Amino acid sequence: MTMTVAVLLACGACFLLKAAGYVLPESVVSGPRAARITTLLPVALLAALVAIQTFASGPTLVLDARVVAVGVALVLLAVRANFLVVVIAAALVAAVVRALGWLP
């Protein structure tokens, strides 16, 4: 399967999913289960994206300064720090770890 075919299939699937939202009765779309799924799905997708971007480099798993930075960010988020503080602290920690040569 070429990339063009994969993109076209994904576009068709997205269109059909969007059309299903208009065709299905409101009781199916706006139930408590659908609300729970639409609330939790973005969190799960973002967590998966962070995990892939943190622990993967191409097809291999790596442990580098990104892991330490995400750990610092998690700790700061757990203590309810301001988001801007979390981002800046994580970037500084990653830069310091790389500059000191502790991790690649």
C-alpha atoms as a PDB file:
ATOM      1  CA  MET A   1       0.000   0.000   0.000  1.00  0.00           C
ATOM      2  CA  THR A   2       1.447   3.337  -0.991  1.00  0.00           C
ATOM      3  CA  MET A   3       1.336   6.424   1.192  1.00  0.00           C
ATOM      4  CA  THR A   4      -1.179   8.050  -1.151  1.00  0.00           C
ATOM      5  CA  VAL A   5      -3.596   5.160  -0.780  1.00  0.00           C
ATOM      6  CA  ALA A   6      -3.179   5.180   3.018  1.00  0.00           C
ATOM      7  CA  VAL A   7      -3.882   8.924   3.189  1.00  0.00           C
ATOM      8  CA  LEU A   8      -6.933   8.594   0.940  1.00  0.00           C
ATOM      9  CA  LEU A   9      -8.286   5.727   3.050  1.00  0.00           C
ATOM     10  CA  ALA A  10      -7.748   7.737   6.226  1.00  0.00           C
ATOM     11  CA  CYS A  11      -9.536  10.719   4.668  1.00  0.00           C
ATOM     12  CA  GLY A  12     -12.459   8.514   3.690  1.00  0.00           C
ATOM     13  CA  ALA A  13     -12.657   7.018   7.167  1.00  0.00           C
ATOM     14  CA  CYS A  14     -12.651  10.480   8.750  1.00  0.00           C
ATOM     15  CA  PHE A  15     -15.376  11.646   6.386  1.00  0.00           C
ATOM     16  CA  LEU A  16     -17.537   8.614   7.167  1.00  0.00           C
ATOM     17  CA  LEU A  17     -17.015   9.099  10.904  1.00  0.00           C
ATOM     18  CA  LYS A  18     -18.017  12.763  10.628  1.00  0.00           C
ATOM     19  CA  ALA A  19     -21.067  11.854   8.523  1.00  0.00           C
ATOM     20  CA  ALA A  20     -22.078   9.219  11.076  1.00  0.00           C
ATOM     21  CA  GLY A  21     -22.314  11.979  13.679  1.00  0.00           C
ATOM     22  CA  TYR A  22     -25.001  13.673  11.609  1.00  0.00           C
ATOM     23  CA  VAL A  23     -26.860  10.480  10.678  1.00  0.00           C
ATOM     24  CA  LEU A  24     -26.975   8.690  14.042  1.00  0.00           C
ATOM     25  CA  PRO A  25     -29.752   9.600  16.488  1.00  0.00           C
ATOM     26  CA  GLU A  26     -28.830  12.039  19.247  1.00  0.00           C
ATOM     27  CA  SER A  27     -29.469   9.412  21.927  1.00  0.00           C
ATOM     28  CA  VAL A  28     -26.570   7.342  20.563  1.00  0.00           C
ATOM     29  CA  VAL A  29     -24.154  10.238  20.163  1.00  0.00           C
ATOM     30  CA  SER A  30     -24.830  12.132  23.379  1.00  0.00           C
ATOM     31  CA  GLY A  31     -25.139   9.322  25.920  1.00  0.00           C
ATOM     32  CA  PRO A  32     -23.002   9.018  29.054  1.00  0.00           C
ATOM     33  CA  ARG A  33     -20.735   6.419  27.455  1.00  0.00           C
ATOM     34  CA  ALA A  34     -20.015   8.639  24.449  1.00  0.00           C
ATOM     35  CA  ALA A  35     -19.348  11.599  26.759  1.00  0.00           C
ATOM     36  CA  ARG A  36     -16.909   9.533  28.816  1.00  0.00           C
ATOM     37  CA  ILE A  37     -15.095   8.324  25.693  1.00  0.00           C
ATOM     38  CA  THR A  38     -14.834  11.797  24.171  1.00  0.00           C
ATOM     39  CA  THR A  39     -13.513  13.114  27.478  1.00  0.00           C
ATOM     40  CA  LEU A  40     -10.828  10.453  27.951  1.00  0.00           C
ATOM     41  CA  LEU A  41      -9.743   9.815  24.358  1.00  0.00           C
ATOM     42  CA  PRO A  42      -7.712  13.037  23.892  1.00  0.00           C
ATOM     43  CA  VAL A  43      -5.886  12.369  27.171  1.00  0.00           C
ATOM     44  CA  ALA A  44      -4.975   8.844  26.076  1.00  0.00           C
ATOM     45  CA  LEU A  45      -3.810  10.016  22.645  1.00  0.00           C
ATOM     46  CA  LEU A  46      -1.697  12.801  24.147  1.00  0.00           C
ATOM     47  CA  ALA A  47      -0.153  10.390  26.654  1.00  0.00           C
ATOM     48  CA  ALA A  48       0.724   7.994  23.838  1.00  0.00           C
ATOM     49  CA  LEU A  49       2.261  10.822  21.826  1.00  0.00           C
ATOM     50  CA  VAL A  50       4.367  11.958  24.794  1.00  0.00           C
ATOM     51  CA  ALA A  51       5.521   8.384  25.438  1.00  0.00           C
ATOM     52  CA  ILE A  52       6.523   7.839  21.811  1.00  0.00           C
ATOM     53  CA  GLN A  53       8.310  11.186  21.564  1.00  0.00           C
ATOM     54  CA  THR A  54      10.104  10.588  24.875  1.00  0.00           C
ATOM     55  CA  PHE A  55      11.218   6.972  24.637  1.00  0.00           C
ATOM     56  CA  ALA A  56      11.586   6.382  20.890  1.00  0.00           C
ATOM     57  CA  SER A  57      14.084   7.460  18.296  1.00  0.00           C
ATOM     58  CA  GLY A  58      13.097   5.830  15.048  1.00  0.00           C
ATOM     59  CA  PRO A  59      12.489   2.132  15.615  1.00  0.00           C
ATOM     60  CA  THR A  60      14.601   1.943  18.801  1.00  0.00           C
ATOM     61  CA  LEU A  61      13.906   2.762  22.433  1.00  0.00           C
ATOM     62  CA  VAL A  62      16.236   5.295  24.031  1.00  0.00           C
ATOM     63  CA  LEU A  63      16.832   6.722  27.480  1.00  0.00           C
ATOM     64  CA  ASP A  64      18.185  10.239  27.237  1.00  0.00           C
ATOM     65  CA  ALA A  65      17.643  13.730  28.635  1.00  0.00           C
ATOM     66  CA  ARG A  66      14.023  13.743  27.462  1.00  0.00           C
ATOM     67  CA  VAL A  67      13.155  11.087  30.055  1.00  0.00           C
ATOM     68  CA  VAL A  68      14.573  13.216  32.866  1.00  0.00           C
ATOM     69  CA  ALA A  69      12.749  16.293  31.539  1.00  0.00           C
ATOM     70  CA  VAL A  70       9.414  14.483  31.405  1.00  0.00           C
ATOM     71  CA  GLY A  71      10.004  13.203  34.939  1.00  0.00           C
ATOM     72  CA  VAL A  72      10.600  16.753  36.173  1.00  0.00           C
ATOM     73  CA  ALA A  73       7.486  17.917  34.342  1.00  0.00           C
ATOM     74  CA  LEU A  74       5.406  15.164  35.954  1.00  0.00           C
ATOM     75  CA  VAL A  75       6.627  16.107  39.423  1.00  0.00           C
ATOM     76  CA  LEU A  76       5.882  19.787  38.846  1.00  0.00           C
ATOM     77  CA  LEU A  77       2.444  18.985  37.460  1.00  0.00           C
ATOM     78  CA  ALA A  78       1.749  16.798  40.497  1.00  0.00           C
ATOM     79  CA  VAL A  79       2.436  19.761  42.797  1.00  0.00           C
ATOM     80  CA  ARG A  80       0.174  21.935  40.618  1.00  0.00           C
ATOM     81  CA  ALA A  81       2.870  24.256  39.253  1.00  0.00           C
ATOM     82  CA  ASN A  82       2.011  26.776  36.565  1.00  0.00           C
ATOM     83  CA  PHE A  83       2.200  25.228  33.093  1.00  0.00           C
ATOM     84  CA  LEU A  84       4.718  27.787  31.846  1.00  0.00           C
ATOM     85  CA  VAL A  85       6.948  26.967  34.823  1.00  0.00           C
ATOM     86  CA  VAL A  86       6.647  23.264  34.005  1.00  0.00           C
ATOM     87  CA  VAL A  87       7.678  23.757  30.376  1.00  0.00           C
ATOM     88  CA  ILE A  88      10.603  26.044  31.193  1.00  0.00           C
ATOM     89  CA  ALA A  89      11.848  23.792  34.011  1.00  0.00           C
ATOM     90  CA  ALA A  90      11.681  20.686  31.833  1.00  0.00           C
ATOM     91  CA  ALA A  91      13.574  22.438  29.031  1.00  0.00           C
ATOM     92  CA  LEU A  92      16.236  23.701  31.432  1.00  0.00           C
ATOM     93  CA  VAL A  93      16.681  20.265  33.012  1.00  0.00           C
ATOM     94  CA  ALA A  94      17.051  18.622  29.600  1.00  0.00           C
ATOM     95  CA  ALA A  95      19.596  21.267  28.563  1.00  0.00           C
ATOM     96  CA  VAL A  96      21.607  20.886  31.770  1.00  0.00           C
ATOM     97  CA  VAL A  97      21.610  17.097  31.577  1.00  0.00           C
ATOM     98  CA  ARG A  98      22.811  17.224  27.966  1.00  0.00           C
ATOM     99  CA  ALA A  99      25.395  19.934  28.700  1.00  0.00           C
ATOM    100  CA  LEU A 100      26.870  17.946  31.594  1.00  0.00           C
ATOM    101  CA  GLY A 101      26.989  14.839  29.398  1.00  0.00           C
ATOM    102  CA  TRP A 102      25.073  12.673  31.856  1.00  0.00           C
ATOM    103  CA  LEU A 103      22.768  11.356  29.173  1.00  0.00           C
ATOM    104  CA  PRO A 104      22.872  11.771  25.389  1.00  0.00           C
END
